[in-house]
N, C-alpha and C. Protein backbone atom coordinates (compact mmCIF):
# COMPACT_ATOMS: atom_id res chain seq x y z
N UNK A 1 -80.61 -0.57 -165.32
CA UNK A 1 -79.58 0.13 -166.26
C UNK A 1 -80.03 -0.28 -167.61
N UNK A 2 -80.26 -1.74 -167.88
CA UNK A 2 -80.57 -2.14 -169.19
C UNK A 2 -82.03 -2.34 -169.25
N UNK A 3 -82.77 -2.07 -170.39
CA UNK A 3 -84.15 -2.11 -170.49
C UNK A 3 -84.34 -3.49 -171.32
N UNK A 4 -85.54 -4.02 -171.33
CA UNK A 4 -85.74 -5.21 -171.87
C UNK A 4 -85.58 -4.93 -173.52
N UNK A 5 -85.24 -5.97 -174.16
CA UNK A 5 -85.16 -5.92 -175.75
C UNK A 5 -86.36 -5.31 -176.27
N UNK A 6 -87.55 -5.60 -175.70
CA UNK A 6 -88.81 -5.37 -176.38
C UNK A 6 -89.06 -3.88 -176.22
N UNK A 7 -88.53 -3.02 -175.42
CA UNK A 7 -88.70 -1.68 -175.23
C UNK A 7 -87.83 -0.82 -176.16
N UNK A 8 -86.94 -1.42 -176.77
CA UNK A 8 -86.01 -0.78 -177.73
C UNK A 8 -86.87 -0.59 -179.06
N UNK A 9 -86.86 0.46 -179.47
CA UNK A 9 -87.69 0.76 -180.64
C UNK A 9 -86.65 1.29 -181.98
N UNK A 10 -86.90 0.64 -183.18
CA UNK A 10 -86.08 1.00 -184.32
C UNK A 10 -86.51 2.53 -184.69
N UNK A 11 -85.59 3.16 -185.43
CA UNK A 11 -85.85 4.54 -185.96
C UNK A 11 -87.18 4.52 -186.79
N UNK A 12 -87.50 3.60 -187.42
CA UNK A 12 -88.78 3.60 -188.28
C UNK A 12 -89.99 3.43 -187.54
N UNK A 13 -89.80 3.21 -186.09
CA UNK A 13 -90.97 3.09 -185.19
C UNK A 13 -91.53 1.73 -184.98
N UNK A 14 -90.95 0.72 -185.57
CA UNK A 14 -91.23 -0.72 -185.38
C UNK A 14 -90.39 -1.33 -184.28
N UNK A 15 -90.82 -2.25 -183.64
CA UNK A 15 -90.02 -2.93 -182.55
C UNK A 15 -88.92 -3.77 -183.45
N UNK A 16 -87.78 -3.83 -182.71
CA UNK A 16 -86.59 -4.67 -183.19
C UNK A 16 -86.90 -6.12 -182.91
N UNK A 17 -87.37 -6.60 -181.79
CA UNK A 17 -87.44 -7.91 -181.38
C UNK A 17 -88.50 -8.08 -180.33
N UNK A 18 -89.06 -9.15 -180.19
CA UNK A 18 -90.03 -9.50 -179.14
C UNK A 18 -89.42 -10.21 -178.07
N UNK A 19 -89.61 -10.06 -176.84
CA UNK A 19 -89.07 -10.74 -175.75
C UNK A 19 -89.69 -12.05 -175.62
N UNK A 20 -88.85 -13.08 -175.48
CA UNK A 20 -89.26 -14.50 -175.14
C UNK A 20 -89.52 -14.62 -173.70
N UNK A 21 -90.53 -15.26 -173.39
CA UNK A 21 -90.72 -15.44 -171.94
C UNK A 21 -89.57 -16.43 -171.37
N UNK A 22 -89.27 -15.87 -170.04
CA UNK A 22 -88.11 -16.65 -169.34
C UNK A 22 -86.80 -16.25 -169.77
N UNK A 23 -86.56 -15.37 -170.66
CA UNK A 23 -85.27 -15.00 -171.09
C UNK A 23 -84.94 -13.49 -170.77
N UNK A 24 -83.88 -13.08 -170.29
CA UNK A 24 -83.53 -11.86 -170.04
C UNK A 24 -82.00 -11.75 -170.04
N UNK A 25 -81.58 -10.53 -170.11
CA UNK A 25 -80.11 -10.24 -170.41
C UNK A 25 -79.50 -10.30 -168.87
N UNK A 26 -78.41 -10.99 -168.72
CA UNK A 26 -77.77 -11.07 -167.46
C UNK A 26 -76.39 -10.49 -167.65
N UNK A 27 -76.01 -9.64 -166.68
CA UNK A 27 -74.65 -9.11 -166.65
C UNK A 27 -74.01 -9.59 -165.39
N UNK A 28 -72.86 -10.13 -165.46
CA UNK A 28 -72.12 -10.82 -164.34
C UNK A 28 -70.76 -9.97 -164.34
N UNK A 29 -70.30 -9.63 -163.13
CA UNK A 29 -69.03 -8.96 -163.02
C UNK A 29 -67.90 -10.02 -163.24
N UNK A 30 -66.78 -9.56 -163.81
CA UNK A 30 -65.64 -10.45 -164.09
C UNK A 30 -64.74 -10.29 -162.93
N UNK A 31 -64.12 -11.56 -162.61
CA UNK A 31 -63.12 -11.56 -161.38
C UNK A 31 -61.85 -10.80 -161.81
N UNK A 32 -61.26 -10.46 -160.72
CA UNK A 32 -59.94 -9.90 -160.91
C UNK A 32 -58.81 -11.24 -160.88
N UNK A 33 -58.34 -11.43 -161.95
CA UNK A 33 -57.28 -12.55 -161.87
C UNK A 33 -55.78 -12.11 -161.98
N UNK A 34 -55.61 -10.97 -161.23
CA UNK A 34 -54.16 -10.57 -161.15
C UNK A 34 -53.52 -11.24 -159.87
N UNK A 35 -52.38 -11.67 -159.97
CA UNK A 35 -51.72 -12.41 -158.83
C UNK A 35 -50.31 -11.71 -158.77
N UNK A 36 -50.02 -11.05 -157.61
CA UNK A 36 -48.73 -10.56 -157.45
C UNK A 36 -47.70 -11.69 -157.33
N UNK A 37 -46.61 -11.57 -157.78
CA UNK A 37 -45.46 -12.57 -157.77
C UNK A 37 -44.20 -12.01 -157.42
N UNK A 38 -43.46 -12.55 -156.55
CA UNK A 38 -42.25 -12.13 -156.09
C UNK A 38 -41.21 -13.13 -156.50
N UNK A 39 -41.35 -13.93 -157.52
CA UNK A 39 -40.36 -14.87 -158.06
C UNK A 39 -39.50 -14.26 -159.05
N UNK A 40 -38.25 -14.60 -158.98
CA UNK A 40 -37.27 -14.08 -159.94
C UNK A 40 -37.36 -14.75 -161.18
N UNK A 41 -37.07 -14.22 -162.28
CA UNK A 41 -37.21 -14.92 -163.60
C UNK A 41 -36.17 -16.09 -163.64
N UNK A 42 -36.52 -17.07 -164.16
CA UNK A 42 -35.46 -18.10 -164.29
C UNK A 42 -34.48 -17.98 -165.40
N UNK A 43 -33.29 -18.51 -165.31
CA UNK A 43 -32.27 -18.29 -166.21
C UNK A 43 -31.93 -19.90 -166.77
N UNK A 44 -31.59 -19.88 -168.02
CA UNK A 44 -31.19 -21.27 -168.55
C UNK A 44 -29.82 -21.12 -169.09
N UNK A 45 -28.90 -21.79 -168.79
CA UNK A 45 -27.59 -21.65 -169.30
C UNK A 45 -27.58 -22.33 -170.84
N UNK A 46 -26.89 -21.64 -171.68
CA UNK A 46 -26.82 -22.04 -173.03
C UNK A 46 -25.36 -22.06 -173.46
N UNK A 47 -25.14 -22.93 -174.30
CA UNK A 47 -23.63 -23.00 -174.91
C UNK A 47 -22.79 -24.00 -174.18
N UNK A 48 -21.62 -24.26 -174.52
CA UNK A 48 -20.82 -25.25 -173.91
C UNK A 48 -20.24 -24.77 -172.57
N UNK A 49 -19.95 -25.65 -171.73
CA UNK A 49 -19.30 -25.47 -170.42
C UNK A 49 -20.27 -24.64 -169.43
N UNK A 50 -21.59 -24.93 -169.59
CA UNK A 50 -22.54 -24.30 -168.78
C UNK A 50 -23.06 -22.87 -169.17
N UNK A 51 -22.69 -22.50 -170.41
CA UNK A 51 -22.87 -21.23 -170.81
C UNK A 51 -21.75 -20.22 -170.68
N UNK A 52 -20.51 -20.67 -170.18
CA UNK A 52 -19.59 -19.89 -169.83
C UNK A 52 -19.01 -19.25 -171.09
N UNK A 53 -18.86 -17.98 -171.36
CA UNK A 53 -18.31 -17.31 -172.50
C UNK A 53 -19.05 -17.74 -173.92
N UNK A 54 -20.32 -18.06 -173.83
CA UNK A 54 -20.85 -18.43 -175.07
C UNK A 54 -21.51 -17.09 -175.87
N UNK A 55 -21.90 -16.12 -175.23
CA UNK A 55 -22.41 -14.88 -175.72
C UNK A 55 -23.47 -15.09 -176.66
N UNK A 56 -24.76 -15.49 -176.15
CA UNK A 56 -25.78 -15.62 -177.21
C UNK A 56 -26.23 -14.41 -177.89
N UNK A 57 -26.40 -14.40 -179.17
CA UNK A 57 -26.62 -13.13 -179.97
C UNK A 57 -28.15 -13.10 -180.52
N UNK A 58 -28.73 -14.39 -180.69
CA UNK A 58 -30.11 -14.35 -181.20
C UNK A 58 -30.84 -15.49 -180.56
N UNK A 59 -32.32 -15.36 -180.44
CA UNK A 59 -33.13 -16.31 -179.80
C UNK A 59 -34.23 -16.53 -180.76
N UNK A 60 -34.58 -17.81 -180.97
CA UNK A 60 -35.71 -18.10 -181.73
C UNK A 60 -36.57 -19.26 -181.08
N UNK A 61 -37.86 -19.12 -181.14
CA UNK A 61 -38.72 -20.01 -180.53
C UNK A 61 -39.57 -20.72 -181.42
N UNK A 62 -39.89 -22.05 -181.23
CA UNK A 62 -40.77 -22.73 -182.16
C UNK A 62 -40.79 -24.22 -181.55
N UNK A 63 -41.72 -25.09 -182.20
CA UNK A 63 -41.66 -26.47 -181.98
C UNK A 63 -40.84 -27.22 -182.78
N UNK A 64 -39.56 -27.35 -182.39
CA UNK A 64 -38.41 -27.76 -183.32
C UNK A 64 -38.49 -29.34 -183.32
N UNK A 65 -38.99 -30.04 -182.29
CA UNK A 65 -39.03 -31.46 -182.37
C UNK A 65 -40.45 -31.98 -182.55
N UNK A 66 -41.33 -31.13 -182.80
CA UNK A 66 -42.74 -31.45 -183.18
C UNK A 66 -43.58 -32.38 -182.10
N UNK A 67 -43.29 -31.86 -180.83
CA UNK A 67 -43.91 -32.59 -179.78
C UNK A 67 -45.01 -31.75 -179.08
N UNK A 68 -45.41 -30.62 -179.72
CA UNK A 68 -46.43 -29.72 -179.29
C UNK A 68 -46.01 -28.90 -178.09
N UNK A 69 -44.80 -28.80 -177.77
CA UNK A 69 -44.32 -27.91 -176.70
C UNK A 69 -43.39 -26.97 -177.30
N UNK A 70 -43.29 -25.79 -176.75
CA UNK A 70 -42.41 -24.65 -177.31
C UNK A 70 -40.91 -24.95 -176.96
N UNK A 71 -39.97 -24.76 -177.86
CA UNK A 71 -38.65 -24.95 -177.71
C UNK A 71 -37.86 -23.63 -178.00
N UNK A 72 -36.73 -23.60 -177.58
CA UNK A 72 -35.90 -22.36 -177.78
C UNK A 72 -34.61 -22.76 -178.38
N UNK A 73 -34.27 -21.88 -179.36
CA UNK A 73 -32.78 -22.11 -179.97
C UNK A 73 -32.14 -20.75 -179.80
N UNK A 74 -30.83 -20.78 -179.45
CA UNK A 74 -29.97 -19.43 -179.35
C UNK A 74 -28.79 -19.70 -180.34
N UNK A 75 -28.43 -18.65 -180.93
CA UNK A 75 -27.14 -18.61 -181.64
C UNK A 75 -26.04 -18.04 -180.82
N UNK A 76 -25.03 -18.70 -180.52
CA UNK A 76 -24.02 -18.40 -179.67
C UNK A 76 -22.74 -17.80 -180.47
N UNK A 77 -22.52 -16.51 -180.24
CA UNK A 77 -21.44 -15.96 -181.00
C UNK A 77 -20.01 -16.53 -180.83
N UNK A 78 -19.64 -16.48 -179.46
CA UNK A 78 -18.26 -16.71 -179.06
C UNK A 78 -18.05 -18.19 -179.10
N UNK A 79 -18.97 -18.95 -178.92
CA UNK A 79 -18.66 -20.60 -178.92
C UNK A 79 -18.88 -21.07 -180.32
N UNK A 80 -19.37 -20.21 -181.27
CA UNK A 80 -19.50 -20.52 -182.59
C UNK A 80 -20.34 -21.75 -182.90
N UNK A 81 -21.68 -21.68 -182.28
CA UNK A 81 -22.65 -22.84 -182.44
C UNK A 81 -24.05 -22.47 -182.10
N UNK A 82 -24.81 -23.32 -181.95
CA UNK A 82 -26.07 -23.08 -181.54
C UNK A 82 -26.54 -23.97 -180.39
N UNK A 83 -27.50 -23.49 -179.61
CA UNK A 83 -27.95 -24.30 -178.45
C UNK A 83 -29.44 -24.55 -178.53
N UNK A 84 -29.99 -25.67 -178.34
CA UNK A 84 -31.39 -26.03 -178.39
C UNK A 84 -31.78 -26.48 -177.08
N UNK A 85 -32.83 -25.83 -176.49
CA UNK A 85 -33.53 -26.08 -175.24
C UNK A 85 -34.91 -26.66 -175.65
N UNK A 86 -35.02 -27.87 -175.18
CA UNK A 86 -36.37 -28.41 -175.49
C UNK A 86 -37.28 -28.30 -174.45
N UNK A 87 -38.53 -27.89 -174.76
CA UNK A 87 -39.55 -27.51 -173.65
C UNK A 87 -40.13 -28.71 -173.12
N UNK A 88 -40.57 -28.56 -171.75
CA UNK A 88 -41.18 -29.62 -171.08
C UNK A 88 -42.54 -29.37 -171.11
N UNK A 89 -43.22 -28.22 -171.43
CA UNK A 89 -44.64 -27.91 -171.46
C UNK A 89 -45.07 -27.16 -170.22
N UNK A 90 -44.26 -27.13 -169.32
CA UNK A 90 -44.70 -26.29 -168.10
C UNK A 90 -43.78 -25.03 -167.83
N UNK A 91 -43.16 -24.50 -168.86
CA UNK A 91 -42.25 -23.34 -168.65
C UNK A 91 -40.87 -23.57 -168.46
N UNK A 92 -40.50 -24.76 -168.26
CA UNK A 92 -39.13 -25.33 -167.92
C UNK A 92 -38.60 -25.93 -169.19
N UNK A 93 -37.28 -26.12 -169.26
CA UNK A 93 -36.62 -26.71 -170.45
C UNK A 93 -35.74 -27.69 -170.09
N UNK A 94 -35.43 -28.75 -170.87
CA UNK A 94 -34.39 -29.66 -170.71
C UNK A 94 -32.96 -29.02 -170.76
N UNK A 95 -31.96 -29.65 -170.23
CA UNK A 95 -30.68 -29.06 -170.49
C UNK A 95 -30.33 -28.91 -171.94
N UNK A 96 -29.54 -27.86 -172.25
CA UNK A 96 -29.19 -27.46 -173.71
C UNK A 96 -28.52 -28.59 -174.43
N UNK A 97 -28.93 -28.63 -175.60
CA UNK A 97 -28.13 -29.43 -176.65
C UNK A 97 -27.28 -28.52 -177.51
N UNK A 98 -26.01 -28.66 -177.54
CA UNK A 98 -25.13 -27.59 -178.06
C UNK A 98 -24.53 -28.36 -179.50
N UNK A 99 -24.68 -27.56 -180.43
CA UNK A 99 -24.25 -28.07 -181.83
C UNK A 99 -23.22 -27.03 -182.26
N UNK A 100 -21.87 -27.45 -182.44
CA UNK A 100 -20.90 -26.51 -183.22
C UNK A 100 -21.30 -26.38 -184.59
N UNK A 101 -21.13 -25.08 -184.95
CA UNK A 101 -21.22 -24.75 -186.24
C UNK A 101 -19.97 -24.68 -187.21
N UNK A 102 -19.00 -24.11 -186.51
CA UNK A 102 -17.66 -24.10 -187.20
C UNK A 102 -17.02 -22.89 -187.14
């Protein structure tokens, strides 16, 4: 399918490159890295009383405590506060820290 580089000729009639001995183009097929999963999405309660009637309205992600792991903050409408979930680095979070706003 692929010819050696030395067989390719530029439009002007000169060769583009010469082939070095012992080197050739190698094409390898890529692996299929799909993995079917039947695991339900995790849920994380936010707000006071285990998230009961907190009504989160907005979500923000970032490294809030500067430990190199993604954290999540939610703005809770009915509980009038924010909840901060500190990331563990493996896709899970510590229990929420709830801060009343007023």
